């Protein structure tokens, strides 16, 4: 059995990550990201059908997410 451990390997790395929850991204940066990948867009077809909780509730979203287009069937 194998497993991947994700996280800091040293105490210094941990200290550097502890302030991450305090980071606030500038609204202009968030707008630029949304222009590249609009909220609700699925980039990987494997993820289709999965709606992350933060996109399912308008109150949790930064802005209203437009409805997803229906998938074309061939």
PDB file of N, CA and C in Angstrom:
ATOM      1  N   UNK A   1       0.841  -1.169   0.000  1.00  0.00           N
ATOM      2  CA  UNK A   1       0.000   0.000   0.000  1.00  0.00           C
ATOM      3  C   UNK A   1       0.892   1.240   0.000  1.00  0.00           C
ATOM      4  N   UNK A   2       0.513   2.229  -0.778  1.00  0.00           N
ATOM      5  CA  UNK A   2       1.273   3.468  -0.811  1.00  0.00           C
ATOM      6  C   UNK A   2       0.359   4.633  -0.458  1.00  0.00           C
ATOM      7  N   UNK A   3       0.963   5.708  -0.051  1.00  0.00           N
ATOM      8  CA  UNK A   3       0.200   6.889   0.324  1.00  0.00           C
ATOM      9  C   UNK A   3       1.054   8.118   0.070  1.00  0.00           C
ATOM     10  N   UNK A   4       0.391   9.214  -0.168  1.00  0.00           N
ATOM     11  CA  UNK A   4       1.085  10.481  -0.354  1.00  0.00           C
ATOM     12  C   UNK A   4       0.791  11.358   0.850  1.00  0.00           C
ATOM     13  N   UNK A   5       1.841  11.843   1.478  1.00  0.00           N
ATOM     14  CA  UNK A   5       1.683  12.773   2.585  1.00  0.00           C
ATOM     15  C   UNK A   5       1.938  14.174   2.062  1.00  0.00           C
ATOM     16  N   UNK A   6       0.985  15.039   2.290  1.00  0.00           N
ATOM     17  CA  UNK A   6       1.111  16.407   1.808  1.00  0.00           C
ATOM     18  C   UNK A   6       1.247  17.318   3.010  1.00  0.00           C
ATOM     19  N   UNK A   7       2.249  18.156   2.981  1.00  0.00           N
ATOM     20  CA  UNK A   7       2.431  19.091   4.076  1.00  0.00           C
ATOM     21  C   UNK A   7       3.885  19.458   4.235  1.00  0.00           C
ATOM     22  N   UNK A   8       4.148  20.293   5.209  1.00  0.00           N
ATOM     23  CA  UNK A   8       5.523  20.738   5.433  1.00  0.00           C
ATOM     24  C   UNK A   8       6.391  19.591   5.943  1.00  0.00           C
ATOM     25  N   UNK A   9       7.665  19.632   5.546  1.00  0.00           N
ATOM     26  CA  UNK A   9       8.616  18.620   6.017  1.00  0.00           C
ATOM     27  C   UNK A   9       9.443  19.114   7.187  1.00  0.00           C
ATOM     28  N   UNK A  10       9.523  20.430   7.351  1.00  0.00           N
ATOM     29  CA  UNK A  10      10.343  20.972   8.427  1.00  0.00           C
ATOM     30  C   UNK A  10       9.510  21.959   9.251  1.00  0.00           C
ATOM     31  N   UNK A  11      10.002  22.262  10.439  1.00  0.00           N
ATOM     32  CA  UNK A  11       9.330  23.229  11.294  1.00  0.00           C
ATOM     33  C   UNK A  11       9.292  24.608  10.633  1.00  0.00           C
ATOM     34  N   UNK A  12      10.356  24.957   9.926  1.00  0.00           N
ATOM     35  CA  UNK A  12      10.411  26.252   9.242  1.00  0.00           C
ATOM     36  C   UNK A  12       9.337  26.335   8.158  1.00  0.00           C
ATOM     37  N   UNK A  13       9.132  25.240   7.429  1.00  0.00           N
ATOM     38  CA  UNK A  13       8.077  25.234   6.420  1.00  0.00           C
ATOM     39  C   UNK A  13       6.707  25.393   7.085  1.00  0.00           C
ATOM     40  N   UNK A  14       6.508  24.726   8.203  1.00  0.00           N
ATOM     41  CA  UNK A  14       5.246  24.843   8.934  1.00  0.00           C
ATOM     42  C   UNK A  14       5.016  26.279   9.384  1.00  0.00           C
ATOM     43  N   UNK A  15       6.038  26.899   9.942  1.00  0.00           N
ATOM     44  CA  UNK A  15       5.896  28.291  10.387  1.00  0.00           C
ATOM     45  C   UNK A  15       5.518  29.205   9.220  1.00  0.00           C
ATOM     46  N   UNK A  16       6.087  28.949   8.050  1.00  0.00           N
ATOM     47  CA  UNK A  16       5.782  29.763   6.886  1.00  0.00           C
ATOM     48  C   UNK A  16       4.356  29.597   6.402  1.00  0.00           C
ATOM     49  N   UNK A  17       3.766  28.440   6.668  1.00  0.00           N
ATOM     50  CA  UNK A  17       2.401  28.170   6.221  1.00  0.00           C
ATOM     51  C   UNK A  17       1.335  28.603   7.227  1.00  0.00           C
ATOM     52  N   UNK A  18       1.716  28.813   8.469  1.00  0.00           N
ATOM     53  CA  UNK A  18       0.717  29.125   9.489  1.00  0.00           C
ATOM     54  C   UNK A  18       0.005  30.454   9.269  1.00  0.00           C
ATOM     55  N   UNK A  19       0.630  31.372   8.558  1.00  0.00           N
ATOM     56  CA  UNK A  19      -0.005  32.654   8.283  1.00  0.00           C
ATOM     57  C   UNK A  19      -0.916  32.619   7.055  1.00  0.00           C
ATOM     58  N   UNK A  20      -0.964  31.513   6.358  1.00  0.00           N
ATOM     59  CA  UNK A  20      -1.740  31.425   5.118  1.00  0.00           C
ATOM     60  C   UNK A  20      -3.212  31.796   5.292  1.00  0.00           C
ATOM     61  N   UNK A  21      -3.888  31.394   6.371  1.00  0.00           N
ATOM     62  CA  UNK A  21      -5.301  31.775   6.506  1.00  0.00           C
ATOM     63  C   UNK A  21      -5.520  33.288   6.600  1.00  0.00           C
ATOM     64  N   UNK A  22      -4.486  34.029   6.932  1.00  0.00           N
ATOM     65  CA  UNK A  22      -4.612  35.487   7.055  1.00  0.00           C
ATOM     66  C   UNK A  22      -4.435  36.211   5.719  1.00  0.00           C
ATOM     67  N   UNK A  23      -4.009  35.483   4.693  1.00  0.00           N
ATOM     68  CA  UNK A  23      -3.776  36.093   3.384  1.00  0.00           C
ATOM     69  C   UNK A  23      -5.119  36.430   2.737  1.00  0.00           C
ATOM     70  N   UNK A  24      -5.245  37.660   2.267  1.00  0.00           N
ATOM     71  CA  UNK A  24      -6.445  38.108   1.563  1.00  0.00           C
ATOM     72  C   UNK A  24      -6.018  38.539   0.167  1.00  0.00           C
ATOM     73  N   UNK A  25      -6.614  37.905  -0.834  1.00  0.00           N
ATOM     74  CA  UNK A  25      -6.275  38.261  -2.207  1.00  0.00           C
ATOM     75  C   UNK A  25      -7.040  39.511  -2.622  1.00  0.00           C
ATOM     76  N   UNK A  26      -6.375  40.377  -3.344  1.00  0.00           N
ATOM     77  CA  UNK A  26      -6.956  41.617  -3.839  1.00  0.00           C
ATOM     78  C   UNK A  26      -8.108  41.296  -4.799  1.00  0.00           C
ATOM     79  N   UNK A  27      -9.222  42.025  -4.721  1.00  0.00           N
ATOM     80  CA  UNK A  27     -10.338  41.776  -5.637  1.00  0.00           C
ATOM     81  C   UNK A  27      -9.937  41.844  -7.115  1.00  0.00           C
ATOM     82  N   UNK A  28      -9.000  42.713  -7.473  1.00  0.00           N
ATOM     83  CA  UNK A  28      -8.554  42.794  -8.868  1.00  0.00           C
ATOM     84  C   UNK A  28      -7.870  41.493  -9.295  1.00  0.00           C
ATOM     85  N   UNK A  29      -7.098  40.889  -8.398  1.00  0.00           N
ATOM     86  CA  UNK A  29      -6.462  39.611  -8.702  1.00  0.00           C
ATOM     87  C   UNK A  29      -7.521  38.524  -8.854  1.00  0.00           C
ATOM     88  N   UNK A  30      -8.506  38.506  -7.964  1.00  0.00           N
ATOM     89  CA  UNK A  30      -9.578  37.518  -8.067  1.00  0.00           C
ATOM     90  C   UNK A  30     -10.358  37.688  -9.371  1.00  0.00           C
ATOM     91  N   UNK A  31     -10.579  38.943  -9.791  1.00  0.00           N
ATOM     92  CA  UNK A  31     -11.253  39.193 -11.072  1.00  0.00           C
ATOM     93  C   UNK A  31     -10.415  38.670 -12.232  1.00  0.00           C
ATOM     94  N   UNK A  32      -9.104  38.859 -12.171  1.00  0.00           N
ATOM     95  CA  UNK A  32      -8.218  38.360 -13.228  1.00  0.00           C
ATOM     96  C   UNK A  32      -8.265  36.835 -13.301  1.00  0.00           C
ATOM     97  N   UNK A  33      -8.295  36.188 -12.149  1.00  0.00           N
ATOM     98  CA  UNK A  33      -8.395  34.724 -12.116  1.00  0.00           C
ATOM     99  C   UNK A  33      -9.727  34.289 -12.713  1.00  0.00           C
ATOM    100  N   UNK A  34     -10.813  34.994 -12.342  1.00  0.00           N
ATOM    101  CA  UNK A  34     -12.135  34.652 -12.870  1.00  0.00           C
ATOM    102  C   UNK A  34     -12.211  34.842 -14.382  1.00  0.00           C
ATOM    103  N   UNK A  35     -11.439  35.776 -14.933  1.00  0.00           N
ATOM    104  CA  UNK A  35     -11.406  35.954 -16.385  1.00  0.00           C
ATOM    105  C   UNK A  35     -10.735  34.767 -17.061  1.00  0.00           C
ATOM    106  N   UNK A  36      -9.705  34.228 -16.427  1.00  0.00           N
ATOM    107  CA  UNK A  36      -9.006  33.070 -16.990  1.00  0.00           C
ATOM    108  C   UNK A  36      -9.850  31.811 -16.886  1.00  0.00           C
ATOM    109  N   UNK A  37     -10.423  31.591 -15.707  1.00  0.00           N
ATOM    110  CA  UNK A  37     -11.256  30.416 -15.456  1.00  0.00           C
ATOM    111  C   UNK A  37     -12.485  30.893 -14.696  1.00  0.00           C
ATOM    112  N   UNK A  38     -13.595  31.133 -15.407  1.00  0.00           N
ATOM    113  CA  UNK A  38     -14.793  31.626 -14.740  1.00  0.00           C
ATOM    114  C   UNK A  38     -15.287  30.645 -13.669  1.00  0.00           C
ATOM    115  N   UNK A  39     -15.896  31.161 -12.599  1.00  0.00           N
ATOM    116  CA  UNK A  39     -16.432  30.280 -11.561  1.00  0.00           C
ATOM    117  C   UNK A  39     -17.419  29.272 -12.161  1.00  0.00           C
ATOM    118  N   UNK A  40     -17.307  28.036 -11.738  1.00  0.00           N
ATOM    119  CA  UNK A  40     -18.220  26.998 -12.201  1.00  0.00           C
ATOM    120  C   UNK A  40     -17.763  26.253 -13.431  1.00  0.00           C
ATOM    121  N   UNK A  41     -16.645  26.656 -14.037  1.00  0.00           N
ATOM    122  CA  UNK A  41     -16.143  25.974 -15.224  1.00  0.00           C
ATOM    123  C   UNK A  41     -15.379  24.730 -14.789  1.00  0.00           C
ATOM    124  N   UNK A  42     -15.660  23.619 -15.443  1.00  0.00           N
ATOM    125  CA  UNK A  42     -14.958  22.376 -15.159  1.00  0.00           C
ATOM    126  C   UNK A  42     -13.851  22.191 -16.185  1.00  0.00           C
ATOM    127  N   UNK A  43     -12.613  22.149 -15.730  1.00  0.00           N
ATOM    128  CA  UNK A  43     -11.478  21.994 -16.635  1.00  0.00           C
ATOM    129  C   UNK A  43     -11.177  20.531 -16.937  1.00  0.00           C
ATOM    130  N   UNK A  44     -11.495  19.660 -16.012  1.00  0.00           N
ATOM    131  CA  UNK A  44     -11.187  18.242 -16.159  1.00  0.00           C
ATOM    132  C   UNK A  44     -12.507  17.480 -16.258  1.00  0.00           C
ATOM    133  N   UNK A  45     -12.730  16.789 -17.373  1.00  0.00           N
ATOM    134  CA  UNK A  45     -14.007  16.087 -17.578  1.00  0.00           C
ATOM    135  C   UNK A  45     -14.275  15.055 -16.477  1.00  0.00           C
ATOM    136  N   UNK A  46     -13.243  14.554 -15.829  1.00  0.00           N
ATOM    137  CA  UNK A  46     -13.421  13.589 -14.748  1.00  0.00           C
ATOM    138  C   UNK A  46     -14.214  14.226 -13.596  1.00  0.00           C
ATOM    139  N   UNK A  47     -14.066  15.542 -13.445  1.00  0.00           N
ATOM    140  CA  UNK A  47     -14.737  16.244 -12.358  1.00  0.00           C
ATOM    141  C   UNK A  47     -16.171  16.656 -12.681  1.00  0.00           C
ATOM    142  N   UNK A  48     -16.649  16.418 -13.899  1.00  0.00           N
ATOM    143  CA  UNK A  48     -18.010  16.809 -14.246  1.00  0.00           C
ATOM    144  C   UNK A  48     -18.998  16.068 -13.358  1.00  0.00           C
ATOM    145  N   UNK A  49     -19.991  16.774 -12.942  1.00  0.00           N
ATOM    146  CA  UNK A  49     -20.986  16.194 -12.053  1.00  0.00           C
ATOM    147  C   UNK A  49     -20.711  16.488 -10.593  1.00  0.00           C
ATOM    148  N   UNK A  50     -19.511  16.922 -10.278  1.00  0.00           N
ATOM    149  CA  UNK A  50     -19.163  17.288  -8.903  1.00  0.00           C
ATOM    150  C   UNK A  50     -19.290  18.797  -8.765  1.00  0.00           C
ATOM    151  N   UNK A  51     -20.082  19.232  -7.816  1.00  0.00           N
ATOM    152  CA  UNK A  51     -20.231  20.654  -7.557  1.00  0.00           C
ATOM    153  C   UNK A  51     -19.629  20.950  -6.192  1.00  0.00           C
ATOM    154  N   UNK A  52     -18.493  21.651  -6.175  1.00  0.00           N
ATOM    155  CA  UNK A  52     -17.882  21.976  -4.894  1.00  0.00           C
ATOM    156  C   UNK A  52     -18.864  22.757  -4.014  1.00  0.00           C
ATOM    157  N   UNK A  53     -18.873  22.498  -2.723  1.00  0.00           N
ATOM    158  CA  UNK A  53     -19.825  23.160  -1.834  1.00  0.00           C
ATOM    159  C   UNK A  53     -19.781  24.678  -1.923  1.00  0.00           C
ATOM    160  N   UNK A  54     -18.599  25.257  -2.147  1.00  0.00           N
ATOM    161  CA  UNK A  54     -18.499  26.712  -2.178  1.00  0.00           C
ATOM    162  C   UNK A  54     -19.099  27.297  -3.454  1.00  0.00           C
ATOM    163  N   UNK A  55     -19.374  26.472  -4.456  1.00  0.00           N
ATOM    164  CA  UNK A  55     -20.045  26.974  -5.646  1.00  0.00           C
ATOM    165  C   UNK A  55     -21.546  26.711  -5.598  1.00  0.00           C
ATOM    166  N   UNK A  56     -21.973  25.853  -4.695  1.00  0.00           N
ATOM    167  CA  UNK A  56     -23.382  25.494  -4.612  1.00  0.00           C
ATOM    168  C   UNK A  56     -24.222  26.485  -3.836  1.00  0.00           C
ATOM    169  N   UNK A  57     -23.620  27.269  -2.985  1.00  0.00           N
ATOM    170  CA  UNK A  57     -24.348  28.233  -2.171  1.00  0.00           C
ATOM    171  C   UNK A  57     -23.965  29.644  -2.588  1.00  0.00           C
ATOM    172  N   UNK A  58     -24.950  30.423  -3.004  1.00  0.00           N
ATOM    173  CA  UNK A  58     -24.663  31.801  -3.397  1.00  0.00           C
ATOM    174  C   UNK A  58     -24.065  32.598  -2.245  1.00  0.00           C
ATOM    175  N   UNK A  59     -24.478  32.289  -1.018  1.00  0.00           N
ATOM    176  CA  UNK A  59     -23.971  33.061   0.122  1.00  0.00           C
ATOM    177  C   UNK A  59     -22.483  32.819   0.356  1.00  0.00           C
ATOM    178  N   UNK A  60     -21.969  31.669  -0.094  1.00  0.00           N
ATOM    179  CA  UNK A  60     -20.560  31.346   0.108  1.00  0.00           C
ATOM    180  C   UNK A  60     -19.701  31.798  -1.065  1.00  0.00           C
ATOM    181  N   UNK A  61     -20.320  32.131  -2.182  1.00  0.00           N
ATOM    182  CA  UNK A  61     -19.571  32.505  -3.378  1.00  0.00           C
ATOM    183  C   UNK A  61     -19.224  33.988  -3.346  1.00  0.00           C
ATOM    184  N   UNK A  62     -18.157  34.319  -4.023  1.00  0.00           N
ATOM    185  CA  UNK A  62     -17.750  35.708  -4.138  1.00  0.00           C
ATOM    186  C   UNK A  62     -18.709  36.464  -5.050  1.00  0.00           C
ATOM    187  N   UNK A  63     -19.211  35.792  -6.037  1.00  0.00           N
ATOM    188  CA  UNK A  63     -20.197  36.382  -6.942  1.00  0.00           C
ATOM    189  C   UNK A  63     -21.104  35.268  -7.435  1.00  0.00           C
ATOM    190  N   UNK A  64     -22.225  35.631  -7.955  1.00  0.00           N
ATOM    191  CA  UNK A  64     -23.196  34.633  -8.414  1.00  0.00           C
ATOM    192  C   UNK A  64     -22.611  33.833  -9.578  1.00  0.00           C
ATOM    193  N   UNK A  65     -22.779  32.537  -9.530  1.00  0.00           N
ATOM    194  CA  UNK A  65     -22.258  31.640 -10.554  1.00  0.00           C
ATOM    195  C   UNK A  65     -23.347  31.409 -11.591  1.00  0.00           C
ATOM    196  N   UNK A  66     -23.045  31.635 -12.886  1.00  0.00           N
ATOM    197  CA  UNK A  66     -24.054  31.366 -13.910  1.00  0.00           C
ATOM    198  C   UNK A  66     -24.322  29.872 -14.000  1.00  0.00           C
ATOM    199  N   UNK A  67     -25.528  29.479 -14.413  1.00  0.00           N
ATOM    200  CA  UNK A  67     -25.820  28.046 -14.525  1.00  0.00           C
ATOM    201  C   UNK A  67     -24.893  27.381 -15.529  1.00  0.00           C
ATOM    202  N   UNK A  68     -24.561  26.143 -15.251  1.00  0.00           N
ATOM    203  CA  UNK A  68     -23.689  25.397 -16.151  1.00  0.00           C
ATOM    204  C   UNK A  68     -24.472  24.980 -17.394  1.00  0.00           C
ATOM    205  N   UNK A  69     -23.847  25.055 -18.576  1.00  0.00           N
ATOM    206  CA  UNK A  69     -24.533  24.602 -19.788  1.00  0.00           C
ATOM    207  C   UNK A  69     -24.671  23.085 -19.767  1.00  0.00           C
ATOM    208  N   UNK A  70     -25.716  22.595 -20.420  1.00  0.00           N
ATOM    209  CA  UNK A  70     -25.910  21.144 -20.496  1.00  0.00           C
ATOM    210  C   UNK A  70     -24.801  20.536 -21.329  1.00  0.00           C
ATOM    211  N   UNK A  71     -24.399  19.321 -20.961  1.00  0.00           N
ATOM    212  CA  UNK A  71     -23.357  18.627 -21.702  1.00  0.00           C
ATOM    213  C   UNK A  71     -23.912  18.109 -23.032  1.00  0.00           C
ATOM    214  N   UNK A  72     -23.125  18.267 -24.067  1.00  0.00           N
ATOM    215  CA  UNK A  72     -23.525  17.733 -25.370  1.00  0.00           C
ATOM    216  C   UNK A  72     -23.299  16.236 -25.387  1.00  0.00           C
ATOM    217  N   UNK A  73     -24.261  15.512 -25.880  1.00  0.00           N
ATOM    218  CA  UNK A  73     -24.105  14.064 -25.989  1.00  0.00           C
ATOM    219  C   UNK A  73     -23.944  13.714 -27.457  1.00  0.00           C
ATOM    220  N   UNK A  74     -23.023  12.809 -27.707  1.00  0.00           N
ATOM    221  CA  UNK A  74     -22.754  12.431 -29.104  1.00  0.00           C
ATOM    222  C   UNK A  74     -23.298  11.064 -29.396  1.00  0.00           C
TER     223      UNK A  74
END
